Structure formats: C-alpha cells, structure tokens
Amino acid sequence: MKLFELGKITMTPSAISVIASFKIPIGDLLDRHEKGDYGDVSEVDWRENTLALLPESVERIMSVYSIETEKLWVITDPDRKVTTLLTEEDF
C-alpha cells in the first residue's frame, strides 16, 4: 500500500548516469519509497519520514538506497508534487 503521492518524477544527470550504469529499475526504488521502505536512512530520518506522513506535515520524505558502490537519494517534496532522484554529489 502506498503511503503518499510521488508527484512528478525528476532525476539529476548524475542519478541518470548511475541508473544507466547499474541498470537500476527505478520503478522498484520508487515503489519501495512510496510504501515506506526508506532503505539506508538513519533512525532519525526514518522517524522524520514517519512524521512527514501526517496530514499537517510540511516536511519532505527521503529514502537512500545503496547500489553497489553508489547511493541514490529519493526525495519527495513536502507538497508531494515532485519526487527527485539524486546522488550524493547532488545532495
């Protein structure tokens, strides 16, 4: 069950490069993100994501997924209109 809307999906050039290099199925990452599997975030970030799901929240939702030697961040804006995939160098 998805917990929130992703809105428009955007990717930075470096995220596109990582996705292409490792042949990452981005649909799987987005599915995990919107279902509350936030990957490798800290316990604090996990709690912040949980609080961000409350209707009155104005916080973003962030996931981090390790892909071999790389990490991809998936961040959904507070208004849930845009979700961006980016790398550590973008973050």
PDB file of N, CA and C in Angstrom:
ATOM      1  N   MET A   1       0.844  -1.179   0.000  1.00  0.00           N
ATOM      2  CA  MET A   1       0.000   0.000   0.000  1.00  0.00           C
ATOM      3  C   MET A   1       0.893   1.246   0.000  1.00  0.00           C
ATOM      4  N   LYS A   2       0.654   2.132  -0.955  1.00  0.00           N
ATOM      5  CA  LYS A   2       1.462   3.343  -0.979  1.00  0.00           C
ATOM      6  C   LYS A   2       0.962   4.321   0.079  1.00  0.00           C
ATOM      7  N   LEU A   3       1.915   5.018   0.680  1.00  0.00           N
ATOM      8  CA  LEU A   3       1.628   5.905   1.802  1.00  0.00           C
ATOM      9  C   LEU A   3       1.437   7.359   1.408  1.00  0.00           C
ATOM     10  N   PHE A   4       1.914   7.721   0.210  1.00  0.00           N
ATOM     11  CA  PHE A   4       1.837   9.116  -0.235  1.00  0.00           C
ATOM     12  C   PHE A   4       2.002   9.164  -1.743  1.00  0.00           C
ATOM     13  N   GLU A   5       1.689  10.306  -2.316  1.00  0.00           N
ATOM     14  CA  GLU A   5       1.828  10.522  -3.751  1.00  0.00           C
ATOM     15  C   GLU A   5       3.255  10.967  -4.067  1.00  0.00           C
ATOM     16  N   LEU A   6       3.757  10.548  -5.190  1.00  0.00           N
ATOM     17  CA  LEU A   6       5.105  10.930  -5.610  1.00  0.00           C
ATOM     18  C   LEU A   6       5.120  12.220  -6.424  1.00  0.00           C
ATOM     19  N   GLY A   7       4.039  12.527  -7.090  1.00  0.00           N
ATOM     20  CA  GLY A   7       4.008  13.684  -7.969  1.00  0.00           C
ATOM     21  C   GLY A   7       4.859  13.437  -9.200  1.00  0.00           C
ATOM     22  N   LYS A   8       5.377  14.504  -9.782  1.00  0.00           N
ATOM     23  CA  LYS A   8       6.235  14.420 -10.971  1.00  0.00           C
ATOM     24  C   LYS A   8       7.588  13.834 -10.566  1.00  0.00           C
ATOM     25  N   ILE A   9       8.113  12.912 -11.362  1.00  0.00           N
ATOM     26  CA  ILE A   9       9.406  12.293 -11.088  1.00  0.00           C
ATOM     27  C   ILE A   9      10.487  13.023 -11.879  1.00  0.00           C
ATOM     28  N   THR A  10      11.529  13.475 -11.177  1.00  0.00           N
ATOM     29  CA  THR A  10      12.665  14.122 -11.829  1.00  0.00           C
ATOM     30  C   THR A  10      13.945  13.423 -11.395  1.00  0.00           C
ATOM     31  N   MET A  11      14.997  13.563 -12.199  1.00  0.00           N
ATOM     32  CA  MET A  11      16.293  12.964 -11.895  1.00  0.00           C
ATOM     33  C   MET A  11      17.405  13.917 -12.296  1.00  0.00           C
ATOM     34  N   THR A  12      18.425  13.960 -11.477  1.00  0.00           N
ATOM     35  CA  THR A  12      19.597  14.757 -11.830  1.00  0.00           C
ATOM     36  C   THR A  12      20.421  13.988 -12.866  1.00  0.00           C
ATOM     37  N   PRO A  13      21.269  14.679 -13.619  1.00  0.00           N
ATOM     38  CA  PRO A  13      22.116  13.979 -14.594  1.00  0.00           C
ATOM     39  C   PRO A  13      22.981  12.876 -13.960  1.00  0.00           C
ATOM     40  N   SER A  14      23.510  13.130 -12.764  1.00  0.00           N
ATOM     41  CA  SER A  14      24.348  12.102 -12.131  1.00  0.00           C
ATOM     42  C   SER A  14      23.509  10.900 -11.705  1.00  0.00           C
ATOM     43  N   ALA A  15      22.270  11.111 -11.297  1.00  0.00           N
ATOM     44  CA  ALA A  15      21.387   9.991 -10.956  1.00  0.00           C
ATOM     45  C   ALA A  15      21.067   9.179 -12.212  1.00  0.00           C
ATOM     46  N   ILE A  16      20.822   9.855 -13.313  1.00  0.00           N
ATOM     47  CA  ILE A  16      20.564   9.164 -14.575  1.00  0.00           C
ATOM     48  C   ILE A  16      21.769   8.301 -14.955  1.00  0.00           C
ATOM     49  N   SER A  17      22.957   8.826 -14.748  1.00  0.00           N
ATOM     50  CA  SER A  17      24.177   8.089 -15.069  1.00  0.00           C
ATOM     51  C   SER A  17      24.305   6.828 -14.213  1.00  0.00           C
ATOM     52  N   VAL A  18      24.056   6.931 -12.908  1.00  0.00           N
ATOM     53  CA  VAL A  18      24.132   5.772 -12.011  1.00  0.00           C
ATOM     54  C   VAL A  18      23.065   4.752 -12.390  1.00  0.00           C
ATOM     55  N   ILE A  19      21.871   5.219 -12.637  1.00  0.00           N
ATOM     56  CA  ILE A  19      20.762   4.330 -13.013  1.00  0.00           C
ATOM     57  C   ILE A  19      21.098   3.566 -14.290  1.00  0.00           C
ATOM     58  N   ALA A  20      21.665   4.263 -15.264  1.00  0.00           N
ATOM     59  CA  ALA A  20      22.028   3.622 -16.529  1.00  0.00           C
ATOM     60  C   ALA A  20      23.205   2.657 -16.349  1.00  0.00           C
ATOM     61  N   SER A  21      24.212   3.075 -15.585  1.00  0.00           N
ATOM     62  CA  SER A  21      25.404   2.244 -15.391  1.00  0.00           C
ATOM     63  C   SER A  21      25.092   0.917 -14.715  1.00  0.00           C
ATOM     64  N   PHE A  22      24.208   0.961 -13.715  1.00  0.00           N
ATOM     65  CA  PHE A  22      23.893  -0.241 -12.944  1.00  0.00           C
ATOM     66  C   PHE A  22      22.574  -0.887 -13.363  1.00  0.00           C
ATOM     67  N   LYS A  23      21.958  -0.341 -14.412  1.00  0.00           N
ATOM     68  CA  LYS A  23      20.687  -0.874 -14.930  1.00  0.00           C
ATOM     69  C   LYS A  23      19.656  -1.031 -13.801  1.00  0.00           C
ATOM     70  N   ILE A  24      19.474   0.047 -13.054  1.00  0.00           N
ATOM     71  CA  ILE A  24      18.578   0.048 -11.898  1.00  0.00           C
ATOM     72  C   ILE A  24      17.139   0.246 -12.360  1.00  0.00           C
ATOM     73  N   PRO A  25      16.240  -0.648 -11.955  1.00  0.00           N
ATOM     74  CA  PRO A  25      14.817  -0.437 -12.266  1.00  0.00           C
ATOM     75  C   PRO A  25      14.241   0.624 -11.324  1.00  0.00           C
ATOM     76  N   ILE A  26      14.136   1.863 -11.814  1.00  0.00           N
ATOM     77  CA  ILE A  26      13.711   2.956 -10.930  1.00  0.00           C
ATOM     78  C   ILE A  26      12.296   2.751 -10.401  1.00  0.00           C
ATOM     79  N   GLY A  27      11.473   2.036 -11.138  1.00  0.00           N
ATOM     80  CA  GLY A  27      10.125   1.746 -10.647  1.00  0.00           C
ATOM     81  C   GLY A  27      10.166   1.004  -9.328  1.00  0.00           C
ATOM     82  N   ASP A  28      11.139   0.094  -9.175  1.00  0.00           N
ATOM     83  CA  ASP A  28      11.276  -0.650  -7.920  1.00  0.00           C
ATOM     84  C   ASP A  28      11.669   0.278  -6.772  1.00  0.00           C
ATOM     85  N   LEU A  29      12.603   1.198  -7.039  1.00  0.00           N
ATOM     86  CA  LEU A  29      13.016   2.148  -5.989  1.00  0.00           C
ATOM     87  C   LEU A  29      11.861   3.059  -5.591  1.00  0.00           C
ATOM     88  N   LEU A  30      11.141   3.558  -6.577  1.00  0.00           N
ATOM     89  CA  LEU A  30      10.015   4.446  -6.275  1.00  0.00           C
ATOM     90  C   LEU A  30       8.916   3.703  -5.519  1.00  0.00           C
ATOM     91  N   ASP A  31       8.700   2.447  -5.877  1.00  0.00           N
ATOM     92  CA  ASP A  31       7.718   1.621  -5.186  1.00  0.00           C
ATOM     93  C   ASP A  31       8.104   1.438  -3.719  1.00  0.00           C
ATOM     94  N   ARG A  32       9.366   1.123  -3.466  1.00  0.00           N
ATOM     95  CA  ARG A  32       9.841   0.979  -2.083  1.00  0.00           C
ATOM     96  C   ARG A  32       9.651   2.284  -1.313  1.00  0.00           C
ATOM     97  N   HIS A  33      10.039   3.386  -1.942  1.00  0.00           N
ATOM     98  CA  HIS A  33       9.955   4.709  -1.314  1.00  0.00           C
ATOM     99  C   HIS A  33       8.515   5.036  -0.905  1.00  0.00           C
ATOM    100  N   GLU A  34       7.573   4.884  -1.817  1.00  0.00           N
ATOM    101  CA  GLU A  34       6.193   5.278  -1.517  1.00  0.00           C
ATOM    102  C   GLU A  34       5.478   4.291  -0.598  1.00  0.00           C
ATOM    103  N   LYS A  35       6.063   3.110  -0.395  1.00  0.00           N
ATOM    104  CA  LYS A  35       5.475   2.132   0.530  1.00  0.00           C
ATOM    105  C   LYS A  35       6.127   2.186   1.910  1.00  0.00           C
ATOM    106  N   GLY A  36       7.098   3.100   2.105  1.00  0.00           N
ATOM    107  CA  GLY A  36       7.692   3.275   3.423  1.00  0.00           C
ATOM    108  C   GLY A  36       8.939   2.466   3.691  1.00  0.00           C
ATOM    109  N   ASP A  37       9.536   1.868   2.654  1.00  0.00           N
ATOM    110  CA  ASP A  37      10.831   1.207   2.807  1.00  0.00           C
ATOM    111  C   ASP A  37      11.867   2.246   2.403  1.00  0.00           C
ATOM    112  N   TYR A  38      12.394   2.942   3.403  1.00  0.00           N
ATOM    113  CA  TYR A  38      13.263   4.087   3.144  1.00  0.00           C
ATOM    114  C   TYR A  38      14.731   3.715   2.961  1.00  0.00           C
ATOM    115  N   GLY A  39      15.025   2.425   2.929  1.00  0.00           N
ATOM    116  CA  GLY A  39      16.383   1.979   2.642  1.00  0.00           C
ATOM    117  C   GLY A  39      17.351   2.245   3.765  1.00  0.00           C
ATOM    118  N   ASP A  40      18.438   2.924   3.435  1.00  0.00           N
ATOM    119  CA  ASP A  40      19.563   3.097   4.355  1.00  0.00           C
ATOM    120  C   ASP A  40      19.566   4.434   5.096  1.00  0.00           C
ATOM    121  N   VAL A  41      18.404   4.967   5.429  1.00  0.00           N
ATOM    122  CA  VAL A  41      18.374   6.221   6.179  1.00  0.00           C
ATOM    123  C   VAL A  41      18.649   5.933   7.653  1.00  0.00           C
ATOM    124  N   SER A  42      19.059   6.945   8.371  1.00  0.00           N
ATOM    125  CA  SER A  42      19.312   6.806   9.802  1.00  0.00           C
ATOM    126  C   SER A  42      17.989   6.626  10.549  1.00  0.00           C
ATOM    127  N   GLU A  43      18.084   6.232  11.792  1.00  0.00           N
ATOM    128  CA  GLU A  43      16.886   6.086  12.622  1.00  0.00           C
ATOM    129  C   GLU A  43      16.160   7.423  12.766  1.00  0.00           C
ATOM    130  N   VAL A  44      16.924   8.485  12.878  1.00  0.00           N
ATOM    131  CA  VAL A  44      16.334   9.827  12.992  1.00  0.00           C
ATOM    132  C   VAL A  44      15.565  10.179  11.716  1.00  0.00           C
ATOM    133  N   ASP A  45      16.175   9.927  10.560  1.00  0.00           N
ATOM    134  CA  ASP A  45      15.495  10.224   9.292  1.00  0.00           C
ATOM    135  C   ASP A  45      14.255   9.346   9.123  1.00  0.00           C
ATOM    136  N   TRP A  46      14.328   8.098   9.582  1.00  0.00           N
ATOM    137  CA  TRP A  46      13.169   7.205   9.499  1.00  0.00           C
ATOM    138  C   TRP A  46      12.004   7.793  10.305  1.00  0.00           C
ATOM    139  N   ARG A  47      12.303   8.270  11.514  1.00  0.00           N
ATOM    140  CA  ARG A  47      11.257   8.893  12.348  1.00  0.00           C
ATOM    141  C   ARG A  47      10.716  10.158  11.686  1.00  0.00           C
ATOM    142  N   GLU A  48      11.607  10.965  11.121  1.00  0.00           N
ATOM    143  CA  GLU A  48      11.166  12.191  10.445  1.00  0.00           C
ATOM    144  C   GLU A  48      10.258  11.861   9.262  1.00  0.00           C
ATOM    145  N   ASN A  49      10.585  10.798   8.531  1.00  0.00           N
ATOM    146  CA  ASN A  49       9.720  10.368   7.429  1.00  0.00           C
ATOM    147  C   ASN A  49       8.346   9.960   7.943  1.00  0.00           C
ATOM    148  N   THR A  50       8.322   9.250   9.052  1.00  0.00           N
ATOM    149  CA  THR A  50       7.047   8.824   9.638  1.00  0.00           C
ATOM    150  C   THR A  50       6.204  10.035  10.018  1.00  0.00           C
ATOM    151  N   LEU A  51       6.833  11.033  10.621  1.00  0.00           N
ATOM    152  CA  LEU A  51       6.113  12.257  10.984  1.00  0.00           C
ATOM    153  C   LEU A  51       5.683  13.037   9.743  1.00  0.00           C
ATOM    154  N   ALA A  52       6.472  12.952   8.682  1.00  0.00           N
ATOM    155  CA  ALA A  52       6.145  13.663   7.442  1.00  0.00           C
ATOM    156  C   ALA A  52       4.882  13.109   6.784  1.00  0.00           C
ATOM    157  N   LEU A  53       4.471  11.913   7.156  1.00  0.00           N
ATOM    158  CA  LEU A  53       3.252  11.320   6.594  1.00  0.00           C
ATOM    159  C   LEU A  53       1.979  11.896   7.204  1.00  0.00           C
ATOM    160  N   LEU A  54       2.101  12.581   8.328  1.00  0.00           N
ATOM    161  CA  LEU A  54       0.923  13.174   8.955  1.00  0.00           C
ATOM    162  C   LEU A  54       0.355  14.262   8.054  1.00  0.00           C
ATOM    163  N   PRO A  55      -0.972  14.360   7.985  1.00  0.00           N
ATOM    164  CA  PRO A  55      -1.603  15.320   7.065  1.00  0.00           C
ATOM    165  C   PRO A  55      -1.149  16.772   7.256  1.00  0.00           C
ATOM    166  N   GLU A  56      -0.845  17.154   8.484  1.00  0.00           N
ATOM    167  CA  GLU A  56      -0.464  18.542   8.738  1.00  0.00           C
ATOM    168  C   GLU A  56       1.029  18.812   8.516  1.00  0.00           C
ATOM    169  N   SER A  57       1.778  17.788   8.131  1.00  0.00           N
ATOM    170  CA  SER A  57       3.220  17.925   7.974  1.00  0.00           C
ATOM    171  C   SER A  57       3.585  18.794   6.773  1.00  0.00           C
ATOM    172  N   VAL A  58       4.703  19.482   6.916  1.00  0.00           N
ATOM    173  CA  VAL A  58       5.276  20.265   5.815  1.00  0.00           C
ATOM    174  C   VAL A  58       6.724  19.835   5.588  1.00  0.00           C
ATOM    175  N   GLU A  59       6.999  18.553   5.819  1.00  0.00           N
ATOM    176  CA  GLU A  59       8.347  18.016   5.684  1.00  0.00           C
ATOM    177  C   GLU A  59       8.466  17.109   4.463  1.00  0.00           C
ATOM    178  N   ARG A  60       9.654  16.984   3.963  1.00  0.00           N
ATOM    179  CA  ARG A  60       9.923  16.106   2.838  1.00  0.00           C
ATOM    180  C   ARG A  60      10.032  14.666   3.336  1.00  0.00           C
ATOM    181  N   ILE A  61       9.991  13.707   2.395  1.00  0.00           N
ATOM    182  CA  ILE A  61      10.203  12.301   2.703  1.00  0.00           C
ATOM    183  C   ILE A  61      11.428  11.870   1.917  1.00  0.00           C
ATOM    184  N   MET A  62      12.391  11.236   2.625  1.00  0.00           N
ATOM    185  CA  MET A  62      13.665  10.914   2.000  1.00  0.00           C
ATOM    186  C   MET A  62      14.004   9.439   2.178  1.00  0.00           C
ATOM    187  N   SER A  63      14.449   8.820   1.099  1.00  0.00           N
ATOM    188  CA  SER A  63      14.976   7.457   1.129  1.00  0.00           C
ATOM    189  C   SER A  63      16.386   7.473   0.571  1.00  0.00           C
ATOM    190  N   VAL A  64      17.197   6.494   1.013  1.00  0.00           N
ATOM    191  CA  VAL A  64      18.551   6.335   0.490  1.00  0.00           C
ATOM    192  C   VAL A  64      18.742   4.858   0.182  1.00  0.00           C
ATOM    193  N   TYR A  65      19.152   4.570  -1.040  1.00  0.00           N
ATOM    194  CA  TYR A  65      19.353   3.187  -1.460  1.00  0.00           C
ATOM    195  C   TYR A  65      20.786   2.995  -1.938  1.00  0.00           C
ATOM    196  N   SER A  66      21.464   2.014  -1.359  1.00  0.00           N
ATOM    197  CA  SER A  66      22.830   1.676  -1.772  1.00  0.00           C
ATOM    198  C   SER A  66      22.769   0.766  -2.990  1.00  0.00           C
ATOM    199  N   ILE A  67      23.480   1.158  -4.022  1.00  0.00           N
ATOM    200  CA  ILE A  67      23.559   0.395  -5.264  1.00  0.00           C
ATOM    201  C   ILE A  67      25.043   0.137  -5.523  1.00  0.00           C
ATOM    202  N   GLU A  68      25.499  -1.042  -5.143  1.00  0.00           N
ATOM    203  CA  GLU A  68      26.915  -1.395  -5.239  1.00  0.00           C
ATOM    204  C   GLU A  68      27.753  -0.311  -4.570  1.00  0.00           C
ATOM    205  N   THR A  69      28.545   0.446  -5.320  1.00  0.00           N
ATOM    206  CA  THR A  69      29.420   1.463  -4.729  1.00  0.00           C
ATOM    207  C   THR A  69      28.767   2.839  -4.674  1.00  0.00           C
ATOM    208  N   GLU A  70      27.549   2.946  -5.130  1.00  0.00           N
ATOM    209  CA  GLU A  70      26.858   4.235  -5.219  1.00  0.00           C
ATOM    210  C   GLU A  70      25.666   4.281  -4.263  1.00  0.00           C
ATOM    211  N   LYS A  71      25.184   5.480  -4.020  1.00  0.00           N
ATOM    212  CA  LYS A  71      23.945   5.676  -3.270  1.00  0.00           C
ATOM    213  C   LYS A  71      23.031   6.582  -4.062  1.00  0.00           C
ATOM    214  N   LEU A  72      21.760   6.246  -4.055  1.00  0.00           N
ATOM    215  CA  LEU A  72      20.751   7.095  -4.680  1.00  0.00           C
ATOM    216  C   LEU A  72      19.804   7.601  -3.608  1.00  0.00           C
ATOM    217  N   TRP A  73      19.559   8.900  -3.638  1.00  0.00           N
ATOM    218  CA  TRP A  73      18.572   9.507  -2.755  1.00  0.00           C
ATOM    219  C   TRP A  73      17.281   9.659  -3.542  1.00  0.00           C
ATOM    220  N   VAL A  74      16.176   9.414  -2.873  1.00  0.00           N
ATOM    221  CA  VAL A  74      14.854   9.662  -3.448  1.00  0.00           C
ATOM    222  C   VAL A  74      14.167  10.599  -2.462  1.00  0.00           C
ATOM    223  N   ILE A  75      13.844  11.786  -2.919  1.00  0.00           N
ATOM    224  CA  ILE A  75      13.267  12.807  -2.033  1.00  0.00           C
ATOM    225  C   ILE A  75      11.957  13.314  -2.624  1.00  0.00           C
ATOM    226  N   THR A  76      10.906  13.190  -1.822  1.00  0.00           N
ATOM    227  CA  THR A  76       9.603  13.719  -2.211  1.00  0.00           C
ATOM    228  C   THR A  76       9.385  15.026  -1.465  1.00  0.00           C
ATOM    229  N   ASP A  77       9.103  16.085  -2.207  1.00  0.00           N
ATOM    230  CA  ASP A  77       8.898  17.408  -1.625  1.00  0.00           C
ATOM    231  C   ASP A  77       7.714  17.415  -0.669  1.00  0.00           C
ATOM    232  N   PRO A  78       7.707  18.361   0.265  1.00  0.00           N
ATOM    233  CA  PRO A  78       6.627  18.426   1.254  1.00  0.00           C
ATOM    234  C   PRO A  78       5.227  18.500   0.653  1.00  0.00           C
ATOM    235  N   ASP A  79       5.074  19.165  -0.487  1.00  0.00           N
ATOM    236  CA  ASP A  79       3.740  19.287  -1.087  1.00  0.00           C
ATOM    237  C   ASP A  79       3.366  18.065  -1.932  1.00  0.00           C
ATOM    238  N   ARG A  80       4.295  17.100  -2.025  1.00  0.00           N
ATOM    239  CA  ARG A  80       4.080  15.830  -2.744  1.00  0.00           C
ATOM    240  C   ARG A  80       3.844  16.030  -4.243  1.00  0.00           C
ATOM    241  N   LYS A  81       4.338  17.148  -4.775  1.00  0.00           N
ATOM    242  CA  LYS A  81       4.175  17.411  -6.202  1.00  0.00           C
ATOM    243  C   LYS A  81       5.372  16.955  -7.024  1.00  0.00           C
ATOM    244  N   VAL A  82       6.540  16.762  -6.367  1.00  0.00           N
ATOM    245  CA  VAL A  82       7.750  16.373  -7.079  1.00  0.00           C
ATOM    246  C   VAL A  82       8.548  15.382  -6.231  1.00  0.00           C
ATOM    247  N   THR A  83       9.030  14.339  -6.890  1.00  0.00           N
ATOM    248  CA  THR A  83       9.980  13.403  -6.281  1.00  0.00           C
ATOM    249  C   THR A  83      11.224  13.410  -7.155  1.00  0.00           C
ATOM    250  N   THR A  84      12.381  13.587  -6.515  1.00  0.00           N
ATOM    251  CA  THR A  84      13.638  13.696  -7.241  1.00  0.00           C
ATOM    252  C   THR A  84      14.581  12.567  -6.852  1.00  0.00           C
ATOM    253  N   LEU A  85      15.202  11.974  -7.854  1.00  0.00           N
ATOM    254  CA  LEU A  85      16.267  11.008  -7.635  1.00  0.00           C
ATOM    255  C   LEU A  85      17.584  11.729  -7.848  1.00  0.00           C
ATOM    256  N   LEU A  86      18.515  11.591  -6.898  1.00  0.00           N
ATOM    257  CA  LEU A  86      19.785  12.270  -6.987  1.00  0.00           C
ATOM    258  C   LEU A  86      20.871  11.446  -6.329  1.00  0.00           C
ATOM    259  N   THR A  87      22.107  11.824  -6.552  1.00  0.00           N
ATOM    260  CA  THR A  87      23.252  11.122  -5.969  1.00  0.00           C
ATOM    261  C   THR A  87      23.843  11.960  -4.845  1.00  0.00           C
ATOM    262  N   GLU A  88      24.831  11.372  -4.190  1.00  0.00           N
ATOM    263  CA  GLU A  88      25.496  12.057  -3.079  1.00  0.00           C
ATOM    264  C   GLU A  88      26.112  13.385  -3.507  1.00  0.00           C
ATOM    265  N   GLU A  89      26.669  13.414  -4.715  1.00  0.00           N
ATOM    266  CA  GLU A  89      27.289  14.662  -5.174  1.00  0.00           C
ATOM    267  C   GLU A  89      26.250  15.759  -5.400  1.00  0.00           C
ATOM    268  N   ASP A  90      24.993  15.385  -5.618  1.00  0.00           N
ATOM    269  CA  ASP A  90      23.917  16.367  -5.793  1.00  0.00           C
ATOM    270  C   ASP A  90      23.351  16.829  -4.466  1.00  0.00           C
ATOM    271  N   PHE A  91      23.493  15.988  -3.471  1.00  0.00           N
ATOM    272  CA  PHE A  91      22.783  16.194  -2.203  1.00  0.00           C
ATOM    273  C   PHE A  91      23.329  17.343  -1.417  1.00  0.00           C
TER     274      PHE A  91
END
